[in-house]
Amino acid sequence: MTNLVRDPVAKWFWLAFILVQATPLQAHTDYPPPEDISQSMTLTGEWQGVRQRLREAGITLEVTQIADFMLNTGGNEQGGYFDGLLFPDLNVDLARLMGWPGASFNVSAYVIQGEGITTPSGLRGYLSPTNIEYSPAVTKLAELWLQQEWFDNRLALKLGQIEGDLNFNILRSADFFINGSWGWLGSWSANLPGSGPTYPNPVPAVQLVLRPVPEWTVQAAVFNGSPTGDDPAGNANGLRFPLGQGALTFLEFAYDPESGQEDTLPHAYKLGAWYHSGDFDSYTSRVTGEPRDADEDDPQALRGNYALYFSLDRPLWHESDTRSRGLNLFGTLTINPQTERNIAHWLVDAGLAYTGLMPGRPLDRTGIGFTWLQMSPDYAAFIRTLDPSAEPDFAIPSHEAFLELTHQAVVNPWLKIQPFFQYVVNPGQNDFPPRGYPDMAVAGIRLVISL
């Protein structure tokens, strides 16, 4: 026991275990008056009634602090790491505030803290171990949009600065996992300019959502083609609103057989695609039409790029006395068929999530998930043409994968504690040329605090 307690990661896990086991069921089901801060919906309470008055006027302000503490072995470098995110989110119901039926407004910001694990550890992977890290740490505008709904919320139009990962291919059973690929697929990050319109880089966009019947949702969106504009390091503060770098168009069909039913496990099937109208460098041919080697910097420009995807999120079993606790299966398959212009070819992920696994803890969630990212064969052939004397340590790109285990404990309404473990396979693909780094194990704990 002495050696375990001396280990920093073990301390985090023991702390999480003690807090979880010491929390009674009362913390999850009955919310007493806000004078009891341990049972308040937020750490800072109701601000002497200010929050309640704002809500009555149609204004909701949520502020969340997320913090990750991690240790890793393997990979390129080892050590302890931290990342954090302060996320203020303001939503305004314009119908309640000013009598504008069906209209709403949202503005949010990202205050990113720490270096995370990817940059200081020298990790070069597309499957980022956490979904909040970003380097350099910045404070920037996040989403900013106006939405209008019609026909009893069956049709909605959203216009503004929008993130793709908050709107497409959402798997509710997997939304508490830590790795960044659960929110925005690693193959999309590899193949889209600037990784696409994902955290923390929303872009100018227009989105249309149609719900002809409660079970079906059809949505489409057109995003600017690059989240940073013409400068790969641009738009650091989120205020430049880049335009003119092509268009990224999403289309998604979703079927939820239990839509409208309360207190049920997630259940949805989604089929979608995206198309980018910009130019992409060929890994197989030069401007002249001749075969291209990695040492030559005159690639043929190929117009357009696309991906297809299918995902599911369905209950396998629920407890006899409720439909809100039980086991879910989730997964996604996506492919970029045009291998001559893409770094990644396809990705598959799958996992299991159990809500309320521990007796007396109905809101806790436990999960295991696995992702495999297959690199493009044309990109691999391109890398093989490198001169070994100039790049003696490079590796031929093949695949990248990870396994994640995690448990999210709802300690009280404003605090979640989440130990996690990830084993990352072949974490050197996101480098040029790719590197053959050893596999990496990451253990850590996440705190989620509603302020």
Protein backbone atom coordinates (compact mmCIF):
# COMPACT_ATOMS: atom_id res chain seq x y z
CA MET A 1 0.00 0.00 0.00
CA THR A 2 2.89 2.36 0.77
CA ASN A 3 4.22 2.24 -2.79
CA LEU A 4 0.76 2.88 -4.23
CA VAL A 5 0.19 5.95 -2.12
CA ARG A 6 3.55 7.39 -3.12
CA ASP A 7 2.64 7.13 -6.80
CA PRO A 8 0.98 10.39 -7.99
CA VAL A 9 -1.54 8.67 -10.27
CA ALA A 10 -2.46 6.24 -7.50
CA LYS A 11 -3.15 9.21 -5.21
CA TRP A 12 -5.57 10.67 -7.78
CA PHE A 13 -7.39 7.35 -8.14
CA TRP A 14 -7.60 6.83 -4.37
CA LEU A 15 -8.94 10.38 -3.94
CA ALA A 16 -11.56 9.78 -6.62
CA PHE A 17 -12.54 6.45 -5.03
CA ILE A 18 -12.91 7.95 -1.55
CA LEU A 19 -15.00 10.87 -2.78
CA VAL A 20 -17.23 8.62 -4.86
CA GLN A 21 -17.86 6.11 -2.10
CA ALA A 22 -18.46 8.85 0.46
CA THR A 23 -21.17 10.48 -1.64
CA PRO A 24 -24.69 9.33 -0.68
CA LEU A 25 -27.54 8.84 -3.11
CA GLN A 26 -29.10 12.03 -1.77
CA ALA A 27 -26.51 13.98 -3.76
CA HIS A 28 -27.93 12.69 -7.03
CA THR A 29 -31.67 12.79 -6.59
CA ASP A 30 -32.91 15.53 -4.27
CA TYR A 31 -31.69 19.10 -4.52
CA PRO A 32 -32.28 20.99 -1.25
CA PRO A 33 -32.33 24.78 -1.05
CA PRO A 34 -29.28 26.51 -2.55
CA GLU A 35 -27.97 27.49 0.91
CA ASP A 36 -26.41 24.00 1.00
CA ILE A 37 -23.52 24.57 -1.41
CA SER A 38 -22.75 20.86 -1.63
CA GLN A 39 -26.17 20.34 -3.22
CA SER A 40 -26.34 23.54 -5.28
CA MET A 41 -26.44 23.07 -9.05
CA THR A 42 -23.29 25.23 -9.28
CA LEU A 43 -20.29 25.82 -7.04
CA THR A 44 -20.97 29.57 -6.83
CA GLY A 45 -24.68 29.16 -6.17
CA GLU A 46 -27.44 31.45 -7.38
CA TRP A 47 -25.54 34.74 -6.89
CA GLN A 48 -28.11 36.07 -4.42
CA GLY A 49 -30.94 35.30 -6.83
CA VAL A 50 -29.31 36.94 -9.89
CA ARG A 51 -29.17 33.72 -11.85
CA GLN A 52 -32.82 32.98 -11.23
CA ARG A 53 -33.86 36.45 -12.40
CA LEU A 54 -31.72 36.05 -15.53
CA ARG A 55 -33.34 32.71 -16.31
CA GLU A 56 -36.79 34.24 -15.92
CA ALA A 57 -35.74 36.85 -18.48
CA GLY A 58 -34.54 34.14 -20.88
CA ILE A 59 -30.80 34.46 -20.18
CA THR A 60 -28.85 31.39 -19.10
CA LEU A 61 -25.17 31.65 -18.20
CA GLU A 62 -23.24 28.44 -17.61
CA VAL A 63 -19.56 28.44 -16.67
CA THR A 64 -17.64 25.16 -16.57
CA GLN A 65 -14.06 24.46 -15.53
CA ILE A 66 -12.45 21.23 -16.73
CA ALA A 67 -9.02 20.08 -15.54
CA ASP A 68 -6.98 17.01 -16.53
CA PHE A 69 -3.99 15.66 -14.57
CA MET A 70 -2.03 12.98 -16.44
CA LEU A 71 1.05 10.78 -16.36
CA ASN A 72 2.36 8.74 -19.27
CA THR A 73 4.83 5.97 -19.94
CA GLY A 74 6.17 5.05 -23.37
CA GLY A 75 5.76 7.34 -26.36
CA ASN A 76 8.46 9.86 -27.14
CA GLU A 77 8.87 11.44 -23.69
CA GLN A 78 7.43 10.65 -20.26
CA GLY A 79 6.23 12.80 -17.39
CA GLY A 80 3.30 14.51 -15.73
CA TYR A 81 1.02 16.87 -17.63
CA PHE A 82 -1.92 19.22 -17.12
CA ASP A 83 -4.53 20.81 -19.32
CA GLY A 84 -7.56 22.86 -18.41
CA LEU A 85 -10.46 24.67 -19.98
CA LEU A 86 -12.70 27.42 -18.63
CA PHE A 87 -15.86 27.49 -20.75
CA PRO A 88 -18.37 30.34 -20.26
CA ASP A 89 -21.52 29.80 -22.34
CA LEU A 90 -24.32 32.37 -22.64
CA ASN A 91 -27.63 31.39 -24.20
CA VAL A 92 -30.47 33.89 -24.72
CA ASP A 93 -34.09 32.95 -25.43
CA LEU A 94 -35.08 35.95 -27.52
CA ALA A 95 -38.76 35.01 -27.38
CA ARG A 96 -38.75 35.43 -23.62
CA LEU A 97 -36.36 38.38 -23.58
CA MET A 98 -37.87 40.53 -26.33
CA GLY A 99 -40.86 38.71 -27.78
CA TRP A 100 -39.11 37.31 -30.88
CA PRO A 101 -40.84 33.93 -31.40
CA GLY A 102 -38.55 30.97 -32.05
CA ALA A 103 -35.32 32.97 -31.89
CA SER A 104 -32.27 32.30 -29.73
CA PHE A 105 -28.73 33.65 -29.47
CA ASN A 106 -25.57 32.00 -28.18
CA VAL A 107 -22.05 33.18 -27.46
CA SER A 108 -19.27 31.27 -25.72
CA ALA A 109 -15.53 31.45 -25.15
CA TYR A 110 -12.57 29.15 -24.53
CA VAL A 111 -9.98 29.95 -21.87
CA ILE A 112 -7.44 27.19 -22.47
CA GLN A 113 -4.93 26.41 -19.74
CA GLY A 114 -1.74 24.37 -19.59
CA GLU A 115 0.23 22.67 -22.33
CA GLY A 116 -1.64 19.38 -22.36
CA ILE A 117 0.19 16.15 -23.11
CA THR A 118 0.69 16.24 -26.90
CA THR A 119 3.19 19.12 -27.25
CA PRO A 120 5.42 18.70 -24.15
CA SER A 121 5.63 14.90 -24.55
CA GLY A 122 6.58 15.17 -28.22
CA LEU A 123 3.53 13.11 -29.12
CA ARG A 124 2.65 13.21 -32.81
CA GLY A 125 -0.67 11.43 -33.09
CA TYR A 126 -4.07 12.15 -34.64
CA LEU A 127 -5.89 10.54 -31.71
CA SER A 128 -5.27 13.18 -29.04
CA PRO A 129 -5.44 11.75 -25.50
CA THR A 130 -7.67 14.60 -24.28
CA ASN A 131 -10.41 16.60 -25.97
CA ILE A 132 -9.61 19.93 -24.29
CA GLU A 133 -5.88 20.35 -24.89
CA TYR A 134 -4.64 22.88 -27.43
CA SER A 135 -1.28 24.50 -27.98
CA PRO A 136 -0.60 27.29 -27.47
CA ALA A 137 -2.98 27.95 -24.59
CA VAL A 138 -5.15 30.87 -25.65
CA THR A 139 -8.29 32.78 -24.74
CA LYS A 140 -10.59 33.05 -27.72
CA LEU A 141 -14.13 33.47 -28.90
CA ALA A 142 -15.86 30.14 -29.44
CA GLU A 143 -19.33 29.83 -30.97
CA LEU A 144 -21.37 32.91 -31.82
CA TRP A 145 -24.70 32.34 -33.54
CA LEU A 146 -28.32 33.32 -34.02
CA GLN A 147 -30.96 30.64 -34.51
CA GLN A 148 -34.52 30.89 -35.76
CA GLU A 149 -37.03 28.06 -35.36
CA TRP A 150 -40.36 27.64 -37.17
CA PHE A 151 -43.32 25.25 -37.23
CA ASP A 152 -43.13 24.14 -33.60
CA ASN A 153 -39.35 23.58 -33.78
CA ARG A 154 -39.56 21.33 -36.83
CA LEU A 155 -37.36 23.63 -38.90
CA ALA A 156 -34.40 25.63 -37.62
CA LEU A 157 -31.83 27.88 -39.27
CA LYS A 158 -28.59 28.78 -37.51
CA LEU A 159 -26.16 31.43 -38.75
CA GLY A 160 -22.87 32.49 -37.22
CA GLN A 161 -19.60 30.99 -36.02
CA ILE A 162 -20.26 27.28 -35.49
CA GLU A 163 -18.31 24.15 -34.53
CA GLY A 164 -18.85 20.98 -36.51
CA ASP A 165 -18.02 18.63 -33.62
CA LEU A 166 -20.87 20.06 -31.52
CA ASN A 167 -23.46 19.36 -34.21
CA PHE A 168 -22.56 16.30 -36.32
CA ASN A 169 -21.98 12.64 -35.52
CA ILE A 170 -22.91 13.15 -31.87
CA LEU A 171 -22.86 9.93 -29.84
CA ARG A 172 -24.50 10.67 -26.49
CA SER A 173 -23.22 7.45 -24.91
CA ALA A 174 -19.63 8.45 -25.70
CA ASP A 175 -19.79 12.15 -24.84
CA PHE A 176 -18.06 11.67 -21.46
CA PHE A 177 -14.97 9.91 -22.86
CA ILE A 178 -11.67 11.79 -22.71
CA ASN A 179 -9.87 11.15 -26.02
CA GLY A 180 -10.37 13.86 -28.63
CA SER A 181 -11.32 11.44 -31.40
CA TRP A 182 -14.69 10.70 -29.78
CA GLY A 183 -15.83 14.25 -30.50
CA TRP A 184 -14.25 14.80 -33.92
CA LEU A 185 -12.95 11.74 -35.71
CA GLY A 186 -9.17 11.51 -36.01
CA SER A 187 -9.34 10.78 -39.74
CA TRP A 188 -11.24 14.02 -40.31
CA SER A 189 -8.56 15.94 -38.38
CA ALA A 190 -5.89 14.30 -40.52
CA ASN A 191 -7.53 15.05 -43.87
CA LEU A 192 -9.19 18.46 -43.49
CA PRO A 193 -7.33 21.81 -43.65
CA GLY A 194 -6.49 22.97 -40.13
CA SER A 195 -8.20 19.83 -38.78
CA GLY A 196 -11.60 21.22 -39.78
CA PRO A 197 -14.19 23.23 -37.80
CA THR A 198 -13.54 21.54 -34.49
CA TYR A 199 -12.50 22.61 -30.99
CA PRO A 200 -11.29 25.22 -30.42
CA ASN A 201 -11.76 26.65 -33.92
CA PRO A 202 -15.38 27.25 -34.98
CA VAL A 203 -15.82 28.96 -38.33
CA PRO A 204 -18.44 31.06 -40.14
CA ALA A 205 -21.22 28.70 -41.17
CA VAL A 206 -24.91 28.29 -41.86
CA GLN A 207 -26.83 25.26 -40.58
CA LEU A 208 -30.32 23.99 -41.42
CA VAL A 209 -32.11 21.39 -39.26
CA LEU A 210 -35.36 19.68 -40.31
CA ARG A 211 -37.44 17.40 -38.05
CA PRO A 212 -40.39 16.22 -40.16
CA VAL A 213 -41.41 13.76 -37.43
CA PRO A 214 -39.98 13.41 -33.90
CA GLU A 215 -37.96 10.30 -34.76
CA TRP A 216 -36.17 11.72 -37.81
CA THR A 217 -33.71 14.61 -38.08
CA VAL A 218 -32.09 15.82 -41.30
CA GLN A 219 -29.44 18.48 -40.99
CA ALA A 220 -27.00 20.18 -43.31
CA ALA A 221 -24.36 22.84 -42.82
CA VAL A 222 -21.87 24.78 -44.91
CA PHE A 223 -18.66 25.80 -43.11
CA ASN A 224 -15.79 27.92 -44.32
CA GLY A 225 -13.13 25.56 -45.66
CA SER A 226 -10.36 26.53 -43.23
CA PRO A 227 -10.70 27.37 -39.52
CA THR A 228 -7.64 29.63 -39.63
CA GLY A 229 -8.11 31.34 -42.98
CA ASP A 230 -5.13 31.62 -45.32
CA ASP A 231 -2.67 31.66 -42.38
CA PRO A 232 -2.22 28.23 -40.71
CA ALA A 233 -1.53 30.03 -37.43
CA GLY A 234 -4.25 32.65 -37.92
CA ASN A 235 -7.47 33.40 -36.04
CA ALA A 236 -5.84 32.82 -32.67
CA ASN A 237 -8.44 34.94 -30.86
CA GLY A 238 -11.45 33.66 -32.83
CA LEU A 239 -12.38 37.16 -34.01
CA ARG A 240 -11.20 37.05 -37.63
CA PHE A 241 -14.18 35.09 -39.03
CA PRO A 242 -12.24 33.61 -42.00
CA LEU A 243 -13.95 33.31 -45.38
CA GLY A 244 -12.95 32.36 -48.90
CA GLN A 245 -11.03 29.11 -48.38
CA GLY A 246 -13.56 26.86 -50.05
CA ALA A 247 -16.60 25.30 -48.43
CA LEU A 248 -17.01 22.25 -46.21
CA THR A 249 -20.55 20.87 -46.51
CA PHE A 250 -22.07 18.33 -44.11
CA LEU A 251 -25.26 16.33 -44.60
CA GLU A 252 -26.59 13.96 -41.92
CA PHE A 253 -29.70 11.79 -41.47
CA ALA A 254 -30.49 10.65 -37.93
CA TYR A 255 -33.14 8.24 -36.66
CA ASP A 256 -34.01 8.11 -32.95
CA PRO A 257 -36.77 5.56 -32.31
CA GLU A 258 -37.26 6.82 -28.74
CA SER A 259 -37.27 10.54 -29.47
CA GLY A 260 -39.45 12.51 -27.09
CA GLN A 261 -39.40 9.85 -24.38
CA GLU A 262 -37.93 10.94 -21.07
CA ASP A 263 -35.49 9.02 -18.88
CA THR A 264 -34.30 6.59 -21.55
CA LEU A 265 -30.85 5.49 -22.64
CA PRO A 266 -29.51 7.04 -25.88
CA HIS A 267 -30.77 5.39 -29.06
CA ALA A 268 -29.87 6.69 -32.52
CA TYR A 269 -28.60 5.70 -35.97
CA LYS A 270 -26.83 8.25 -38.17
CA LEU A 271 -25.74 8.29 -41.80
CA GLY A 272 -23.78 11.24 -43.11
CA ALA A 273 -21.20 12.66 -45.45
CA TRP A 274 -19.06 15.75 -45.95
CA TYR A 275 -17.56 17.33 -49.04
CA HIS A 276 -14.79 19.93 -49.16
CA SER A 277 -14.64 22.05 -52.33
CA GLY A 278 -11.00 23.14 -52.01
CA ASP A 279 -7.78 21.90 -53.61
CA PHE A 280 -5.79 19.06 -52.03
CA ASP A 281 -2.19 18.08 -52.78
CA SER A 282 -1.75 14.77 -54.56
CA TYR A 283 0.56 12.22 -52.95
CA THR A 284 0.89 10.29 -56.21
CA SER A 285 1.45 12.81 -59.01
CA ARG A 286 3.28 16.04 -59.76
CA VAL A 287 1.98 19.07 -61.65
CA THR A 288 3.54 17.57 -64.77
CA GLY A 289 1.56 14.35 -64.32
CA GLU A 290 4.68 12.35 -63.44
CA PRO A 291 4.81 10.21 -60.28
CA ARG A 292 5.60 12.25 -57.18
CA ASP A 293 8.36 11.53 -54.68
CA ALA A 294 8.43 12.85 -51.13
CA ASP A 295 11.51 14.94 -51.93
CA GLU A 296 9.63 16.89 -54.64
CA ASP A 297 7.54 19.92 -53.76
CA ASP A 298 5.39 20.34 -56.87
CA PRO A 299 2.25 18.25 -56.21
CA GLN A 300 -0.69 18.20 -58.53
CA ALA A 301 -3.68 20.07 -57.08
CA LEU A 302 -6.77 17.86 -56.89
CA ARG A 303 -10.17 19.50 -56.57
CA GLY A 304 -12.43 18.35 -53.77
CA ASN A 305 -12.46 15.74 -51.02
CA TYR A 306 -15.19 13.78 -49.29
CA ALA A 307 -15.96 11.32 -46.50
CA LEU A 308 -18.85 9.00 -45.65
CA TYR A 309 -19.82 7.87 -42.16
CA PHE A 310 -22.29 5.73 -40.25
CA SER A 311 -22.74 5.63 -36.49
CA LEU A 312 -25.00 3.92 -34.00
CA ASP A 313 -25.81 4.38 -30.35
CA ARG A 314 -28.24 1.82 -29.01
CA PRO A 315 -29.22 0.21 -25.71
CA LEU A 316 -28.29 -3.44 -25.21
CA TRP A 317 -29.89 -3.88 -21.81
CA HIS A 318 -31.59 -1.75 -19.18
CA GLU A 319 -32.37 -2.41 -15.55
CA SER A 320 -35.80 -3.84 -14.78
CA ASP A 321 -37.10 -0.87 -12.78
CA THR A 322 -35.99 1.94 -15.12
CA ARG A 323 -35.03 2.61 -18.73
CA SER A 324 -32.48 5.30 -17.81
CA ARG A 325 -29.87 2.90 -16.38
CA GLY A 326 -28.21 0.16 -18.35
CA LEU A 327 -25.71 -0.76 -21.06
CA ASN A 328 -25.26 0.96 -24.43
CA LEU A 329 -23.28 0.00 -27.52
CA PHE A 330 -21.90 2.79 -29.71
CA GLY A 331 -19.65 2.98 -32.74
CA THR A 332 -18.71 4.79 -35.95
CA LEU A 333 -17.28 3.82 -39.31
CA THR A 334 -15.95 6.52 -41.64
CA ILE A 335 -13.99 6.35 -44.89
CA ASN A 336 -12.21 8.81 -47.19
CA PRO A 337 -12.19 6.88 -50.50
CA GLN A 338 -9.79 9.21 -52.37
CA THR A 339 -6.55 7.82 -50.94
CA GLU A 340 -4.30 9.75 -53.36
CA ARG A 341 -5.15 13.04 -51.58
CA ASN A 342 -5.67 11.92 -47.99
CA ILE A 343 -3.37 11.03 -45.10
CA ALA A 344 -5.97 8.79 -43.43
CA HIS A 345 -8.09 6.22 -45.27
CA TRP A 346 -10.65 5.00 -42.74
CA LEU A 347 -11.47 4.92 -39.05
CA VAL A 348 -13.61 2.64 -36.93
CA ASP A 349 -14.47 3.05 -33.27
CA ALA A 350 -16.69 1.11 -30.89
CA GLY A 351 -17.41 0.97 -27.20
CA LEU A 352 -19.70 0.15 -24.32
CA ALA A 353 -21.07 2.60 -21.77
CA TYR A 354 -23.02 1.73 -18.63
CA THR A 355 -25.13 4.30 -16.80
CA GLY A 356 -25.68 3.56 -13.10
CA LEU A 357 -23.36 0.55 -12.82
CA MET A 358 -22.76 0.99 -9.08
CA PRO A 359 -25.73 0.47 -6.73
CA GLY A 360 -27.09 3.75 -5.41
CA ARG A 361 -25.29 5.83 -8.04
CA PRO A 362 -27.75 6.24 -10.94
CA LEU A 363 -25.93 9.09 -12.70
CA ASP A 364 -22.41 7.65 -12.77
CA ARG A 365 -21.16 6.42 -16.15
CA THR A 366 -18.58 3.75 -16.89
CA GLY A 367 -17.13 3.10 -20.32
CA ILE A 368 -14.63 1.25 -22.47
CA GLY A 369 -13.89 2.26 -26.06
CA PHE A 370 -11.50 1.41 -28.88
CA THR A 371 -10.51 3.33 -32.05
CA TRP A 372 -8.47 2.23 -35.06
CA LEU A 373 -7.25 4.79 -37.62
CA GLN A 374 -5.90 3.33 -40.88
CA MET A 375 -3.52 5.49 -42.89
CA SER A 376 -3.84 5.97 -46.64
CA PRO A 377 -1.88 3.45 -48.77
CA ASP A 378 -0.97 6.20 -51.25
CA TYR A 379 0.39 8.35 -48.42
CA ALA A 380 2.41 5.35 -47.18
CA ALA A 381 3.83 4.82 -50.68
CA PHE A 382 4.71 8.52 -50.83
CA ILE A 383 6.66 8.31 -47.55
CA ARG A 384 8.56 5.26 -48.81
CA THR A 385 10.21 7.46 -51.45
CA LEU A 386 12.02 9.53 -48.79
CA ASP A 387 15.81 9.42 -48.80
CA PRO A 388 16.82 7.34 -45.72
CA SER A 389 20.09 9.22 -45.42
CA ALA A 390 18.21 12.51 -45.05
CA GLU A 391 15.53 11.13 -42.73
CA PRO A 392 17.07 8.11 -40.99
CA ASP A 393 14.44 7.75 -38.25
CA PHE A 394 11.21 7.87 -40.21
CA ALA A 395 8.58 5.12 -40.18
CA ILE A 396 6.17 4.06 -42.91
CA PRO A 397 2.67 5.20 -41.90
CA SER A 398 0.32 2.33 -41.20
CA HIS A 399 -2.17 2.85 -38.39
CA GLU A 400 -2.84 4.46 -35.06
CA ALA A 401 -5.13 3.13 -32.32
CA PHE A 402 -6.09 3.52 -28.70
CA LEU A 403 -8.07 1.81 -25.96
CA GLU A 404 -9.78 3.92 -23.29
CA LEU A 405 -11.30 2.94 -19.94
CA THR A 406 -13.00 5.56 -17.80
CA HIS A 407 -15.51 6.10 -15.01
CA GLN A 408 -17.31 9.40 -14.41
CA ALA A 409 -18.55 9.85 -10.86
CA VAL A 410 -21.18 12.53 -10.21
CA VAL A 411 -20.09 13.56 -6.73
CA ASN A 412 -22.73 16.29 -6.48
CA PRO A 413 -24.64 18.45 -8.98
CA TRP A 414 -21.64 20.70 -9.66
CA LEU A 415 -18.71 18.27 -9.45
CA LYS A 416 -17.74 15.25 -11.53
CA ILE A 417 -14.56 13.27 -10.92
CA GLN A 418 -13.36 10.99 -13.71
CA PRO A 419 -10.33 8.68 -13.56
CA PHE A 420 -9.26 7.36 -16.94
CA PHE A 421 -6.68 5.15 -18.64
CA GLN A 422 -5.63 5.04 -22.29
CA TYR A 423 -3.25 2.81 -24.17
CA VAL A 424 -2.13 4.48 -27.42
CA VAL A 425 -0.69 2.33 -30.22
CA ASN A 426 1.79 3.74 -32.74
CA PRO A 427 1.54 7.40 -31.65
CA GLY A 428 3.87 8.95 -34.22
CA GLN A 429 1.70 9.22 -37.34
CA ASN A 430 1.05 12.99 -37.14
CA ASP A 431 4.57 14.00 -38.00
CA PHE A 432 6.36 14.50 -41.29
CA PRO A 433 7.75 12.05 -41.82
CA PRO A 434 5.95 9.74 -39.36
CA ARG A 435 7.98 8.36 -36.46
CA GLY A 436 8.05 4.91 -34.93
CA TYR A 437 7.51 5.93 -31.32
CA PRO A 438 6.83 3.22 -28.74
CA ASP A 439 3.26 2.62 -27.62
CA MET A 440 2.15 4.89 -24.79
CA ALA A 441 0.05 4.41 -21.64
CA VAL A 442 -1.70 7.45 -20.17
CA ALA A 443 -3.37 7.49 -16.76
CA GLY A 444 -5.09 10.49 -15.28
CA ILE A 445 -8.04 12.07 -13.62
CA ARG A 446 -10.45 14.74 -14.87
CA LEU A 447 -12.39 17.23 -12.76
CA VAL A 448 -15.51 18.90 -14.18
CA ILE A 449 -16.80 21.80 -12.08
CA SER A 450 -19.93 23.85 -12.81
CA LEU A 451 -19.20 27.33 -11.46
